[in-house]
Amino acid sequence: MEILFTGLRSFKKHNPKLMGNTSIWMFPIYGMASLLSPVCRLLKGKSVILRGGIYTCCIFIGEYITGSFLRKYGACPWDYSKAPLNVDGLIRLDYAPYWFGAGLVFEKMLL
């Protein structure tokens, strides 16, 4: 997912190579999406807005906690400190629509 997202960013910059990048640290971080499984079951039948909003909050919390931990060891692969709407350089609130959609995709995969 991250390779696709960063590759599309290079498309926006008119780079025909469409190079995407990630870190090995991201595999277990994205794997944590499986922890949403019980949340998905609890929210089954609720509105899309409620489900997506809760998933977004859960993802932001996971991103903040893992980013804080990795930053202590100089290993955090992202730094949003120069981006608008960042929180401690660890999360970007303007990414909420992306996480909203990703949470709903994770839900489909987990149920």
Protein backbone atom coordinates (compact mmCIF):
# COMPACT_ATOMS: atom_id res chain seq x y z
CA MET A 1 0.00 0.00 0.00
CA GLU A 2 2.77 2.41 0.89
CA ILE A 3 4.72 1.62 -2.28
CA LEU A 4 1.61 2.39 -4.31
CA PHE A 5 1.01 5.66 -2.43
CA THR A 6 4.60 6.90 -2.74
CA GLY A 7 4.77 5.73 -6.35
CA LEU A 8 1.71 7.79 -7.19
CA ARG A 9 3.35 10.78 -5.55
CA SER A 10 6.22 10.44 -8.01
CA PHE A 11 3.61 10.41 -10.82
CA LYS A 12 2.36 13.75 -9.48
CA LYS A 13 5.93 15.05 -9.76
CA HIS A 14 5.99 13.90 -13.42
CA ASN A 15 8.56 11.18 -12.74
CA PRO A 16 7.79 8.44 -15.28
CA LYS A 17 9.71 5.85 -13.21
CA LEU A 18 6.93 5.94 -10.56
CA MET A 19 9.41 4.98 -7.86
CA GLY A 20 7.87 4.18 -4.50
CA ASN A 21 9.68 3.52 -1.24
CA THR A 22 9.15 2.12 2.21
CA SER A 23 11.01 0.72 5.19
CA ILE A 24 11.11 -2.81 6.54
CA TRP A 25 9.75 -1.32 9.78
CA MET A 26 6.49 -0.73 7.94
CA PHE A 27 5.73 -4.45 7.51
CA PRO A 28 4.98 -5.10 11.18
CA ILE A 29 3.35 -1.68 11.52
CA TYR A 30 0.91 -2.38 8.69
CA GLY A 31 0.52 -5.91 10.04
CA MET A 32 -0.89 -4.34 13.18
CA ALA A 33 -4.00 -3.62 11.10
CA SER A 34 -5.02 -7.16 11.99
CA LEU A 35 -5.58 -5.85 15.52
CA LEU A 36 -8.59 -4.00 14.10
CA SER A 37 -10.38 -7.32 13.61
CA PRO A 38 -12.28 -7.27 16.95
CA VAL A 39 -13.14 -3.60 16.38
CA CYS A 40 -14.49 -4.49 12.92
CA ARG A 41 -16.74 -7.16 14.42
CA LEU A 42 -18.05 -4.73 17.06
CA LEU A 43 -18.81 -2.10 14.42
CA LYS A 44 -20.49 -4.46 11.95
CA GLY A 45 -23.75 -2.92 10.76
CA LYS A 46 -22.88 0.59 11.95
CA SER A 47 -22.65 3.57 9.60
CA VAL A 48 -19.69 3.95 7.26
CA ILE A 49 -18.88 7.35 8.79
CA LEU A 50 -18.68 5.91 12.31
CA ARG A 51 -16.66 2.86 11.24
CA GLY A 52 -14.23 4.85 9.09
CA GLY A 53 -13.82 7.50 11.79
CA ILE A 54 -12.98 4.93 14.45
CA TYR A 55 -10.55 3.14 12.13
CA THR A 56 -8.89 6.48 11.35
CA CYS A 57 -8.44 7.22 15.06
CA CYS A 58 -7.05 3.72 15.70
CA ILE A 59 -4.58 4.07 12.83
CA PHE A 60 -3.48 7.52 14.03
CA ILE A 61 -2.92 6.13 17.53
CA GLY A 62 -0.92 3.19 16.16
CA GLU A 63 1.12 5.49 13.91
CA TYR A 64 1.86 7.87 16.78
CA ILE A 65 2.87 5.12 19.23
CA THR A 66 5.06 3.20 16.78
CA GLY A 67 6.59 6.41 15.46
CA SER A 68 7.40 7.59 18.99
CA PHE A 69 9.01 4.24 19.82
CA LEU A 70 11.09 4.12 16.63
CA ARG A 71 12.11 7.78 16.97
CA LYS A 72 13.70 6.99 20.38
CA TYR A 73 16.11 4.71 18.51
CA GLY A 74 16.61 6.95 15.49
CA ALA A 75 14.72 4.47 13.34
CA CYS A 76 11.44 6.22 12.51
CA PRO A 77 11.15 6.09 8.71
CA TRP A 78 8.88 9.13 8.49
CA ASP A 79 9.10 12.72 9.64
CA TYR A 80 6.11 14.93 9.02
CA SER A 81 7.43 17.88 11.03
CA LYS A 82 7.54 20.14 7.94
CA ALA A 83 4.04 19.16 6.79
CA PRO A 84 0.98 21.20 7.66
CA LEU A 85 -1.37 19.70 10.24
CA ASN A 86 1.26 17.42 11.74
CA VAL A 87 1.26 16.25 15.35
CA ASP A 88 4.81 16.04 16.73
CA GLY A 89 6.01 15.15 13.22
CA LEU A 90 4.54 11.68 13.70
CA ILE A 91 1.06 11.92 12.20
CA ARG A 92 -0.53 14.13 9.56
CA LEU A 93 -4.13 15.05 10.18
CA ASP A 94 -4.56 15.83 6.47
CA TYR A 95 -4.01 12.11 5.82
CA ALA A 96 -7.27 11.33 7.67
CA PRO A 97 -9.25 10.70 4.44
CA TYR A 98 -6.59 8.20 3.30
CA TRP A 99 -6.66 6.37 6.63
CA PHE A 100 -10.46 6.46 6.59
CA GLY A 101 -10.42 4.63 3.25
CA ALA A 102 -7.60 2.30 4.29
CA GLY A 103 -9.50 1.36 7.45
CA LEU A 104 -12.53 0.38 5.38
CA VAL A 105 -10.29 -1.67 3.06
CA PHE A 106 -8.72 -3.38 6.09
CA GLU A 107 -12.24 -4.08 7.37
CA LYS A 108 -13.14 -5.90 4.14
CA MET A 109 -9.95 -7.95 4.39
CA LEU A 110 -10.48 -8.82 8.06
CA LEU A 111 -14.16 -9.77 8.03
